[in-house]
Each structure stands twice: as structure tokens, then as C-alpha cells.
Amino acid sequence: MTDHAKTAAPHRHTLRVYYEDTDAAGVVYYANYLRFAERARTEALRALGIPHAEMVDRFGLMFVVRRVEVDYLRPARIDDSLTVVTEALAIGGASVVLRQDVQGTAGSCAVLRVRLACVKPGEEKPARLPPQWRQVLEAMLAERPASVESDTRPA
């Protein structure tokens, strides 16, 4: 883990909607919200001091998406500036549940709930989160009443 881990929650990643992200009507194609969320998760982990390459090189572990749910709320359009807000909802022994809110100028465009599993590359079984990862991921924990998110249990 690098020495530049930050402790700010939630993480914000800004991006621009390009022509390649849209359908013929200039609206973001639904699957591209997954790409936006992936980029934002990568940058959130990097900001916490656990970039993907170091996860594998130093710890022999990586995160894989085990489950994702998306609520599409309003369309984003070509040239829009979007901000993906990423925060942790729960941290388990071998998994993390994240909430990612893709926000445009008019509010939320899509809200994703992502369950990441920690695994060893090439293996199909979960691996425990290293204590160093757990410590920095806890900095991303959302401060919200338990009733707001009914199922934050990690797998």
C-alpha cells in the first residue's frame, strides 16, 4: 500500500460524456454507466492508496464484481459533465459493498450498488481483505442511518 492513502469519504470522479458513450439520440447508452462506475472505482481505490497493480503485485489479490444493481433515474447526454460519487456501505471479511451515484447537473442519472469480492487471481474462492485494505476502505464508509440501505451485508 502506498503512503499517500487519503481518508476522505465519499470519493468523487468527474468525467465528460463523449459521442462514443451515446446512442443515436445522443443519450448515454445504459451499459456505459457500468464503465463510468468502473473508472470511478479504480480512481477511488487509487486515491486510497491501493491501486489495482499494487493489489496484485504486493498482495496477490484483486477485486472482482460479484453483483451490481443499477437504478436509471434520468438520462445523461452528449457533452454532459458527470460526477461519480463512490462510498462504501459495508465491509466484510472478503467483500465490500459500494454505492456509486452518477450525478449530472440535474441530479442523479444512475445509482449503482456494487458488491466486490476479494479473490486471488486465477482462483474462484474469496480471500480475506488484508488489514491495510480494510483500514483505508473504512475511510469510505458512508455515514447514513441503517434504515436507508436495507441490505448492506457483504457476501
Protein backbone atom coordinates (compact mmCIF):
# COMPACT_ATOMS: atom_id res chain seq x y z
CA MET A 1 0.00 0.00 0.00
CA THR A 2 1.35 3.40 -0.89
CA ASP A 3 1.94 6.13 1.66
CA HIS A 4 -0.49 8.56 0.05
CA ALA A 5 -3.74 6.95 1.22
CA LYS A 6 -6.40 9.57 1.76
CA THR A 7 -9.21 9.44 4.27
CA ALA A 8 -11.96 11.41 2.54
CA ALA A 9 -15.36 9.86 2.01
CA PRO A 10 -17.01 9.84 -0.40
CA HIS A 11 -14.73 9.85 -3.45
CA ARG A 12 -15.68 11.99 -6.47
CA HIS A 13 -14.60 11.31 -10.06
CA THR A 14 -15.60 13.73 -12.82
CA LEU A 15 -15.88 12.73 -16.47
CA ARG A 16 -17.31 14.05 -19.73
CA VAL A 17 -19.87 12.22 -21.90
CA TYR A 18 -18.41 11.68 -25.37
CA TYR A 19 -20.08 10.75 -28.63
CA GLU A 20 -18.83 7.16 -28.21
CA ASP A 21 -20.81 6.91 -24.93
CA THR A 22 -24.17 7.71 -26.52
CA ASP A 23 -26.81 6.13 -28.71
CA ALA A 24 -28.20 7.64 -31.91
CA ALA A 25 -30.30 10.11 -29.88
CA GLY A 26 -27.27 11.48 -28.01
CA VAL A 27 -28.31 9.80 -24.73
CA VAL A 28 -25.80 7.74 -22.73
CA TYR A 29 -26.21 4.07 -23.61
CA TYR A 30 -27.31 2.22 -20.45
CA ALA A 31 -24.30 -0.15 -20.28
CA ASN A 32 -21.86 2.77 -20.28
CA TYR A 33 -22.86 3.66 -16.73
CA LEU A 34 -21.05 0.45 -15.75
CA ARG A 35 -17.90 1.73 -17.50
CA PHE A 36 -18.20 5.10 -15.76
CA ALA A 37 -18.58 3.33 -12.39
CA GLU A 38 -15.59 1.06 -13.05
CA ARG A 39 -13.34 4.03 -13.81
CA ALA A 40 -14.55 5.83 -10.70
CA ARG A 41 -13.96 2.73 -8.51
CA THR A 42 -10.44 2.41 -9.90
CA GLU A 43 -9.70 6.05 -9.11
CA ALA A 44 -11.29 5.77 -5.65
CA LEU A 45 -9.04 2.81 -4.80
CA ARG A 46 -6.02 4.64 -6.22
CA ALA A 47 -6.85 7.70 -4.06
CA LEU A 48 -6.99 5.40 -1.02
CA GLY A 49 -3.52 4.11 -1.84
CA ILE A 50 -4.49 0.68 -3.19
CA PRO A 51 -4.16 0.82 -6.98
CA HIS A 52 -5.03 -2.37 -8.89
CA ALA A 53 -1.44 -3.16 -9.94
CA GLU A 54 -0.23 -2.97 -6.35
CA MET A 55 -3.10 -5.16 -5.15
CA VAL A 56 -1.88 -7.97 -7.37
CA ASP A 57 1.90 -7.35 -7.17
CA ARG A 58 2.19 -6.83 -3.43
CA PHE A 59 -0.72 -8.83 -2.03
CA GLY A 60 -1.57 -11.36 -4.74
CA LEU A 61 -5.21 -10.28 -4.50
CA MET A 62 -7.72 -8.37 -6.55
CA PHE A 63 -11.34 -7.22 -6.50
CA VAL A 64 -13.92 -8.66 -8.88
CA VAL A 65 -17.50 -7.53 -9.30
CA ARG A 66 -19.76 -10.16 -7.79
CA ARG A 67 -23.05 -8.30 -8.15
CA VAL A 68 -24.25 -4.98 -9.50
CA GLU A 69 -27.66 -3.34 -9.39
CA VAL A 70 -28.42 -0.16 -11.33
CA ASP A 71 -31.32 2.24 -11.00
CA TYR A 72 -31.54 4.52 -14.04
CA LEU A 73 -33.13 7.79 -12.95
CA ARG A 74 -32.64 10.36 -15.73
CA PRO A 75 -30.68 10.43 -18.97
CA ALA A 76 -27.23 11.91 -19.36
CA ARG A 77 -26.46 13.38 -22.76
CA ILE A 78 -23.51 14.05 -25.03
CA ASP A 79 -21.12 16.70 -23.63
CA ASP A 80 -22.58 16.48 -20.10
CA SER A 81 -20.16 16.65 -17.23
CA LEU A 82 -20.85 13.84 -14.77
CA THR A 83 -19.51 13.18 -11.31
CA VAL A 84 -19.46 9.64 -9.95
CA VAL A 85 -19.67 9.68 -6.15
CA THR A 86 -18.37 6.45 -4.61
CA GLU A 87 -18.82 5.43 -0.99
CA ALA A 88 -18.61 2.18 0.92
CA LEU A 89 -21.78 0.86 2.53
CA ALA A 90 -20.33 -2.25 4.17
CA ILE A 91 -17.02 -4.05 4.52
CA GLY A 92 -16.99 -7.78 5.11
CA GLY A 93 -14.27 -10.33 5.59
CA ALA A 94 -13.76 -10.82 1.85
CA SER A 95 -16.05 -8.27 0.24
CA VAL A 96 -17.05 -4.64 0.01
CA VAL A 97 -20.43 -3.13 -0.87
CA LEU A 98 -20.26 0.24 -2.63
CA ARG A 99 -22.82 2.80 -3.65
CA GLN A 100 -21.97 4.78 -6.78
CA ASP A 101 -24.10 7.76 -7.73
CA VAL A 102 -23.61 9.09 -11.27
CA GLN A 103 -24.62 12.73 -10.98
CA GLY A 104 -25.33 15.27 -13.69
CA THR A 105 -26.30 18.92 -13.39
CA ALA A 106 -29.97 18.00 -12.87
CA GLY A 107 -29.24 15.37 -10.20
CA SER A 108 -28.66 11.64 -10.16
CA CYS A 109 -28.68 9.91 -13.54
CA ALA A 110 -27.98 6.40 -12.24
CA VAL A 111 -27.30 4.86 -8.85
CA LEU A 112 -25.33 1.63 -8.66
CA ARG A 113 -24.93 -0.79 -5.78
CA VAL A 114 -21.81 -2.87 -6.35
CA ARG A 115 -20.60 -5.87 -4.36
CA LEU A 116 -16.89 -6.53 -4.84
CA ALA A 117 -15.29 -9.80 -3.82
CA CYS A 118 -11.63 -10.08 -2.89
CA VAL A 119 -10.00 -13.05 -4.66
CA LYS A 120 -6.63 -14.44 -5.65
CA PRO A 121 -6.17 -14.13 -9.43
CA GLY A 122 -6.96 -17.45 -11.10
CA GLU A 123 -8.93 -18.81 -8.13
CA GLU A 124 -12.67 -18.82 -7.70
CA LYS A 125 -12.89 -18.60 -3.93
CA PRO A 126 -12.98 -15.50 -1.74
CA ALA A 127 -9.87 -14.29 0.08
CA ARG A 128 -9.84 -12.20 3.25
CA LEU A 129 -9.21 -8.49 2.88
CA PRO A 130 -5.75 -7.53 4.13
CA PRO A 131 -5.93 -5.38 7.29
CA GLN A 132 -4.30 -2.47 5.41
CA TRP A 133 -7.09 -2.51 2.81
CA ARG A 134 -9.79 -2.75 5.45
CA GLN A 135 -8.35 0.27 7.26
CA VAL A 136 -8.38 2.55 4.21
CA LEU A 137 -11.72 1.24 2.92
CA GLU A 138 -13.29 2.15 6.25
CA ALA A 139 -12.46 5.77 5.38
CA MET A 140 -15.01 5.46 2.55
CA LEU A 141 -17.82 4.19 4.77
CA ALA A 142 -20.98 6.19 4.27
CA GLU A 143 -22.48 7.80 7.32
CA ARG A 144 -26.17 7.05 6.93
CA PRO A 145 -28.86 5.51 9.09
CA ALA A 146 -29.12 1.72 8.76
CA SER A 147 -32.70 2.06 7.50
CA VAL A 148 -31.57 3.93 4.36
CA GLU A 149 -29.79 0.89 2.91
CA SER A 150 -31.65 -2.26 3.89
CA ASP A 151 -29.16 -4.86 2.61
CA THR A 152 -25.58 -3.81 3.20
CA ARG A 153 -24.42 -7.24 4.28
CA PRO A 154 -21.28 -8.28 2.44
CA ALA A 155 -21.24 -11.74 0.91
